[in-house]
């Protein structure tokens, strides 16, 4: 299946539930296409969980949800070996990570030990239990949510965990016209109950292959590298973008270009995805004192995108 056709079907189906969030849907689709994971960070009531459910319902794939709480154990996520008294042997009971799409709801409410259970799953598509490694299904996609405002009883995600997420984004509030449409459409049943799968796992794997074959010429690769170097040399940044972060930026740019129906990546594609790929990977020396409600990392990323020279030679 063509990547643009895949993205259009997904956008249309999710749009039946989540109104006015086409750009965010395209970003999540691009992350899905380059085998990345998504962190949705926003205040309560903006549709984070519903967005994740709508995406999962649109694909004919396995779906599981984990509600993260402080008493959640690593084995509640990955699974456990238990002794079967009847058969007098140990059996492995699979945890919810053995699925295709995993919703990790309020991920920052679990302890660091439990959060770390997802590290191997997200990066290597496998989990090790009692010394035995179990491969996860393909595709494997994690979409996690967290509330950045309420900090009581939460455990901030460490840098290593944040780096496992290809992008971090928020849905935000909708505009007045869209909100009126949402209110008028709420009846006895929720719209999520009326949508069904419009794409298969095979469609996803086919579109993914095409998305990651989108051309990226040397000039654009140089631009991506220059952005990374600028974060490492910035006086207000203690830890800049790693090579893995640059690879994430390149892949996300390819997938986003494919979603838009383009055959090659241009600097505008890089600029479009950079605010969602870069900031959560930066460690700043100080907090933002701005009144814009943006983090210091987000403000610095915007400055770098304005200041780093963009290639002007023919792209294609």
Protein backbone atom coordinates (compact mmCIF):
# COMPACT_ATOMS: atom_id res chain seq x y z
CA UNK A 1 0.00 0.00 0.00
CA UNK A 2 1.18 3.52 -0.82
CA UNK A 3 2.20 5.51 2.24
CA UNK A 4 0.03 8.51 1.39
CA UNK A 5 -3.03 6.31 0.90
CA UNK A 6 -2.29 4.63 4.25
CA UNK A 7 -1.99 8.01 5.98
CA UNK A 8 -5.20 9.36 4.41
CA UNK A 9 -7.25 6.36 5.55
CA UNK A 10 -5.85 6.60 9.06
CA UNK A 11 -6.41 10.38 9.22
CA UNK A 12 -10.01 10.05 8.05
CA UNK A 13 -10.86 7.28 10.51
CA UNK A 14 -9.24 8.93 13.54
CA UNK A 15 -10.94 12.18 12.52
CA UNK A 16 -14.32 10.59 13.28
CA UNK A 17 -13.34 10.60 16.96
CA UNK A 18 -10.65 13.27 17.35
CA UNK A 19 -11.64 16.48 15.56
CA UNK A 20 -9.27 19.14 14.24
CA UNK A 21 -6.03 17.26 14.93
CA UNK A 22 -4.91 16.36 11.41
CA UNK A 23 -1.31 17.51 11.93
CA UNK A 24 -0.95 15.53 15.14
CA UNK A 25 -2.45 12.49 13.40
CA UNK A 26 0.10 12.81 10.58
CA UNK A 27 2.94 13.05 13.11
CA UNK A 28 1.76 9.93 14.95
CA UNK A 29 1.35 8.14 11.61
CA UNK A 30 4.88 9.07 10.60
CA UNK A 31 6.22 7.75 13.92
CA UNK A 32 4.29 4.51 13.41
CA UNK A 33 5.70 4.17 9.90
CA UNK A 34 9.32 4.44 11.02
CA UNK A 35 8.84 1.95 13.88
CA UNK A 36 9.06 4.65 16.54
CA UNK A 37 7.04 5.32 19.68
CA UNK A 38 4.97 8.34 20.72
CA UNK A 39 4.75 10.18 24.04
CA UNK A 40 1.56 12.24 24.39
CA UNK A 41 2.07 14.88 27.05
CA UNK A 42 -0.88 17.12 27.85
CA UNK A 43 -3.31 18.24 30.54
CA UNK A 44 -6.27 15.98 31.43
CA UNK A 45 -9.31 15.99 29.18
CA UNK A 46 -7.65 16.86 25.87
CA UNK A 47 -8.19 13.40 24.34
CA UNK A 48 -4.81 11.70 24.81
CA UNK A 49 -6.20 8.27 25.66
CA UNK A 50 -9.01 8.57 23.13
CA UNK A 51 -6.52 9.50 20.40
CA UNK A 52 -4.45 6.40 21.19
CA UNK A 53 -7.55 4.19 21.21
CA UNK A 54 -8.79 5.63 17.90
CA UNK A 55 -5.42 4.92 16.29
CA UNK A 56 -5.42 1.36 17.62
CA UNK A 57 -9.03 0.72 16.55
CA UNK A 58 -8.17 1.88 13.02
CA UNK A 59 -5.64 -0.92 12.59
CA UNK A 60 -6.53 -4.61 12.52
CA UNK A 61 -3.76 -5.39 15.02
CA UNK A 62 -3.48 -6.58 18.59
CA UNK A 63 -4.11 -3.86 21.17
CA UNK A 64 -3.53 -3.78 24.94
CA UNK A 65 -3.76 -1.02 27.50
CA UNK A 66 -1.82 -0.69 30.76
CA UNK A 67 -2.94 1.79 33.40
CA UNK A 68 0.31 2.73 35.13
CA UNK A 69 0.06 3.11 38.91
CA UNK A 70 2.69 3.25 41.70
CA UNK A 71 2.02 -0.38 42.70
CA UNK A 72 2.45 -1.77 39.18
CA UNK A 73 5.28 -4.34 38.95
CA UNK A 74 7.59 -5.08 35.99
CA UNK A 75 6.09 -8.57 35.73
CA UNK A 76 2.64 -6.97 35.28
CA UNK A 77 3.98 -5.57 32.01
CA UNK A 78 6.29 -8.25 30.62
CA UNK A 79 4.78 -11.44 32.03
CA UNK A 80 5.78 -14.06 34.59
CA UNK A 81 6.90 -17.67 34.92
CA UNK A 82 4.53 -19.55 37.21
CA UNK A 83 4.50 -23.11 38.47
CA UNK A 84 1.63 -25.19 37.09
CA UNK A 85 0.75 -27.60 39.90
CA UNK A 86 -1.37 -29.81 37.65
CA UNK A 87 1.35 -30.39 35.06
CA UNK A 88 4.25 -30.09 37.54
CA UNK A 89 6.20 -27.62 35.43
CA UNK A 90 6.83 -23.90 34.98
CA UNK A 91 4.76 -22.05 32.39
CA UNK A 92 5.22 -18.57 30.97
CA UNK A 93 2.23 -16.26 31.14
CA UNK A 94 2.64 -13.43 28.62
CA UNK A 95 2.18 -9.85 29.76
CA UNK A 96 0.42 -7.06 27.84
CA UNK A 97 3.62 -6.12 25.92
CA UNK A 98 2.97 -9.13 23.72
CA UNK A 99 0.76 -7.19 21.35
CA UNK A 100 1.10 -4.86 18.36
CA UNK A 101 -0.11 -1.54 19.79
CA UNK A 102 0.43 -0.86 23.48
CA UNK A 103 -1.17 2.09 25.27
CA UNK A 104 0.87 3.00 28.36
CA UNK A 105 -1.56 5.31 30.13
CA UNK A 106 -0.10 7.79 32.63
CA UNK A 107 3.33 6.19 32.30
CA UNK A 108 4.95 8.57 34.80
CA UNK A 109 2.80 7.25 37.66
CA UNK A 110 4.77 3.98 37.79
CA UNK A 111 8.06 3.62 39.67
CA UNK A 112 11.37 3.82 37.76
CA UNK A 113 11.83 0.06 38.18
CA UNK A 114 8.52 -0.60 36.42
CA UNK A 115 9.18 2.04 33.76
CA UNK A 116 12.49 0.34 32.97
CA UNK A 117 10.64 -2.85 32.03
CA UNK A 118 9.69 -1.12 28.78
CA UNK A 119 13.24 -0.09 27.81
CA UNK A 120 14.28 -3.38 26.20
CA UNK A 121 10.82 -3.82 24.67
CA UNK A 122 10.82 -0.42 22.98
CA UNK A 123 14.38 -0.50 21.69
CA UNK A 124 15.03 -4.17 20.88
CA UNK A 125 11.50 -5.53 20.40
CA UNK A 126 12.12 -8.24 22.97
CA UNK A 127 11.93 -8.84 26.71
CA UNK A 128 14.09 -10.96 28.99
CA UNK A 129 12.44 -12.80 31.88
CA UNK A 130 14.35 -15.09 34.24
CA UNK A 131 17.26 -15.15 31.80
CA UNK A 132 15.15 -16.17 28.80
CA UNK A 133 14.58 -13.74 25.92
CA UNK A 134 11.17 -13.57 24.27
CA UNK A 135 10.69 -11.80 20.92
CA UNK A 136 7.76 -9.41 20.59
CA UNK A 137 5.35 -9.25 17.69
CA UNK A 138 5.84 -7.03 14.65
CA UNK A 139 4.71 -4.37 14.39
CA UNK A 140 5.24 -3.20 17.98
CA UNK A 141 4.21 0.36 18.74
CA UNK A 142 3.99 2.10 22.12
CA UNK A 143 1.91 5.22 22.59
CA UNK A 144 2.26 6.56 26.12
CA UNK A 145 0.47 9.41 27.89
CA UNK A 146 1.42 11.61 30.80
CA UNK A 147 0.14 14.74 32.53
CA UNK A 148 2.93 17.36 32.81
CA UNK A 149 1.03 19.55 35.28
CA UNK A 150 0.14 17.23 38.16
CA UNK A 151 3.40 16.04 39.73
CA UNK A 152 2.14 14.55 43.03
CA UNK A 153 2.70 10.79 43.03
CA UNK A 154 4.60 10.77 39.73
CA UNK A 155 8.10 9.70 38.73
CA UNK A 156 9.64 11.79 35.90
CA UNK A 157 10.87 9.73 32.97
CA UNK A 158 14.69 9.54 32.90
CA UNK A 159 16.61 10.64 29.81
CA UNK A 160 17.17 7.03 28.69
CA UNK A 161 13.43 6.38 28.76
CA UNK A 162 12.58 9.64 26.97
CA UNK A 163 15.09 8.82 24.25
CA UNK A 164 13.13 5.65 23.44
CA UNK A 165 10.23 7.82 22.26
CA UNK A 166 10.69 8.94 18.68
CA UNK A 167 8.50 12.00 19.22
CA UNK A 168 6.83 13.85 22.08
CA UNK A 169 3.76 15.92 21.28
CA UNK A 170 0.59 17.34 22.79
CA UNK A 171 -2.92 17.59 21.35
CA UNK A 172 -3.81 20.87 23.04
CA UNK A 173 -7.22 22.49 23.22
CA UNK A 174 -9.36 22.74 20.09
CA UNK A 175 -10.67 25.95 18.52
CA UNK A 176 -14.21 27.20 19.19
CA UNK A 177 -15.77 25.93 15.96
CA UNK A 178 -14.30 22.45 16.35
CA UNK A 179 -15.31 22.30 20.01
CA UNK A 180 -18.92 23.16 19.16
CA UNK A 181 -18.89 20.33 16.62
CA UNK A 182 -17.60 17.94 19.28
CA UNK A 183 -20.28 18.99 21.76
CA UNK A 184 -23.08 18.63 19.21
CA UNK A 185 -21.88 15.16 18.21
CA UNK A 186 -21.94 13.72 21.74
CA UNK A 187 -25.05 11.56 22.19
CA UNK A 188 -25.94 8.31 23.87
CA UNK A 189 -22.89 6.51 22.46
CA UNK A 190 -19.31 7.68 22.09
CA UNK A 191 -17.93 8.00 18.51
CA UNK A 192 -15.12 5.53 19.39
CA UNK A 193 -17.72 2.74 19.46
CA UNK A 194 -18.64 3.37 15.83
CA UNK A 195 -15.23 3.17 14.18
CA UNK A 196 -13.61 -0.02 12.98
CA UNK A 197 -10.37 -1.18 11.45
CA UNK A 198 -9.64 0.26 8.02
CA UNK A 199 -6.06 -1.01 7.68
CA UNK A 200 -4.22 -4.26 8.38
CA UNK A 201 -0.80 -5.08 9.78
CA UNK A 202 0.25 -6.00 6.24
CA UNK A 203 -0.80 -2.54 5.02
CA UNK A 204 1.33 -1.00 7.76
CA UNK A 205 4.43 -3.07 6.96
CA UNK A 206 4.07 -2.29 3.24
CA UNK A 207 3.68 1.46 3.85
CA UNK A 208 6.58 1.39 6.34
CA UNK A 209 8.91 -0.10 3.74
CA UNK A 210 8.05 2.65 1.25
CA UNK A 211 8.32 5.43 3.85
CA UNK A 212 11.87 4.52 4.86
CA UNK A 213 12.98 4.38 1.22
CA UNK A 214 12.24 8.10 0.66
CA UNK A 215 15.41 9.79 -0.63
CA UNK A 216 17.53 12.01 1.59
CA UNK A 217 20.41 13.71 -0.24
CA UNK A 218 23.74 14.74 1.25
CA UNK A 219 22.75 18.40 1.64
CA UNK A 220 19.78 17.49 3.87
CA UNK A 221 21.87 14.97 5.81
CA UNK A 222 24.39 17.77 6.38
CA UNK A 223 21.59 20.04 7.62
CA UNK A 224 20.45 17.37 10.09
CA UNK A 225 24.03 16.94 11.31
CA UNK A 226 24.44 20.72 11.68
CA UNK A 227 21.31 20.87 13.85
CA UNK A 228 22.77 18.17 16.08
CA UNK A 229 26.11 19.97 16.34
CA UNK A 230 24.31 23.21 17.21
CA UNK A 231 22.59 21.56 20.19
CA UNK A 232 25.92 20.17 21.45
CA UNK A 233 27.65 23.54 21.24
CA UNK A 234 24.84 25.66 22.67
CA UNK A 235 25.80 27.43 25.90
CA UNK A 236 22.44 26.74 27.53
CA UNK A 237 22.45 23.00 26.77
CA UNK A 238 24.27 20.54 29.02
CA UNK A 239 23.50 17.45 26.94
CA UNK A 240 22.81 17.85 23.21
CA UNK A 241 21.36 15.60 20.56
CA UNK A 242 23.02 12.18 20.31
CA UNK A 243 23.71 10.25 17.11
CA UNK A 244 20.65 8.14 17.90
CA UNK A 245 18.66 11.36 18.09
CA UNK A 246 19.92 12.39 14.64
CA UNK A 247 18.93 9.00 13.24
CA UNK A 248 15.47 9.53 14.73
CA UNK A 249 15.27 12.97 13.09
CA UNK A 250 16.25 11.55 9.71
CA UNK A 251 13.76 8.66 9.86
CA UNK A 252 10.95 10.89 11.06
CA UNK A 253 11.66 13.35 8.24
CA UNK A 254 11.48 10.50 5.71
CA UNK A 255 8.21 9.17 7.06
CA UNK A 256 6.65 12.64 7.27
CA UNK A 257 7.65 13.33 3.67
CA UNK A 258 6.06 10.03 2.62
CA UNK A 259 2.85 10.86 4.50
CA UNK A 260 2.69 14.13 2.53
CA UNK A 261 3.13 12.21 -0.73
CA UNK A 262 6.70 13.41 -1.39
CA UNK A 263 9.43 11.31 -2.97
CA UNK A 264 12.35 13.04 -1.23
CA UNK A 265 13.07 14.90 2.00
CA UNK A 266 13.59 18.66 1.88
CA UNK A 267 14.61 20.98 4.75
CA UNK A 268 10.97 21.91 5.36
CA UNK A 269 10.24 18.29 6.29
CA UNK A 270 13.08 18.37 8.81
CA UNK A 271 11.81 21.66 10.23
CA UNK A 272 8.27 20.28 10.49
CA UNK A 273 9.24 17.30 12.67
CA UNK A 274 12.24 18.72 14.58
CA UNK A 275 10.11 20.39 17.34
CA UNK A 276 8.71 16.96 18.18
CA UNK A 277 11.95 14.95 17.88
CA UNK A 278 14.58 17.22 19.48
CA UNK A 279 13.38 18.98 22.68
CA UNK A 280 12.74 15.93 24.89
CA UNK A 281 16.25 14.68 24.11
CA UNK A 282 17.98 17.85 25.36
CA UNK A 283 19.15 18.47 28.91
CA UNK A 284 19.25 22.21 29.57
CA UNK A 285 21.36 24.04 32.14
CA UNK A 286 18.42 26.10 33.39
CA UNK A 287 14.63 26.17 33.34
CA UNK A 288 12.75 28.50 31.02
CA UNK A 289 11.86 31.90 32.49
CA UNK A 290 9.69 32.75 29.50
CA UNK A 291 5.98 33.52 29.78
CA UNK A 292 5.26 31.49 26.64
CA UNK A 293 4.70 28.26 28.63
CA UNK A 294 7.29 26.55 26.43
CA UNK A 295 10.14 24.64 27.97
CA UNK A 296 13.71 25.87 27.63
CA UNK A 297 14.43 22.97 25.26
CA UNK A 298 11.51 23.93 23.01
CA UNK A 299 12.59 27.57 22.90
CA UNK A 300 16.19 26.65 22.08
CA UNK A 301 15.03 24.25 19.34
CA UNK A 302 13.00 27.04 17.73
CA UNK A 303 16.03 29.35 17.86
CA UNK A 304 18.26 26.73 16.24
CA UNK A 305 15.76 26.10 13.45
CA UNK A 306 15.78 29.84 12.74
CA UNK A 307 19.56 30.23 12.93
CA UNK A 308 21.15 27.07 11.46
CA UNK A 309 21.86 27.58 7.75
CA UNK A 310 19.46 25.76 5.46
CA UNK A 311 20.89 24.14 2.29
CA UNK A 312 19.98 26.11 -0.82
CA UNK A 313 21.17 23.72 -3.52
CA UNK A 314 18.72 21.66 -5.56
CA UNK A 315 17.07 19.01 -3.38
CA UNK A 316 15.77 15.81 -4.90
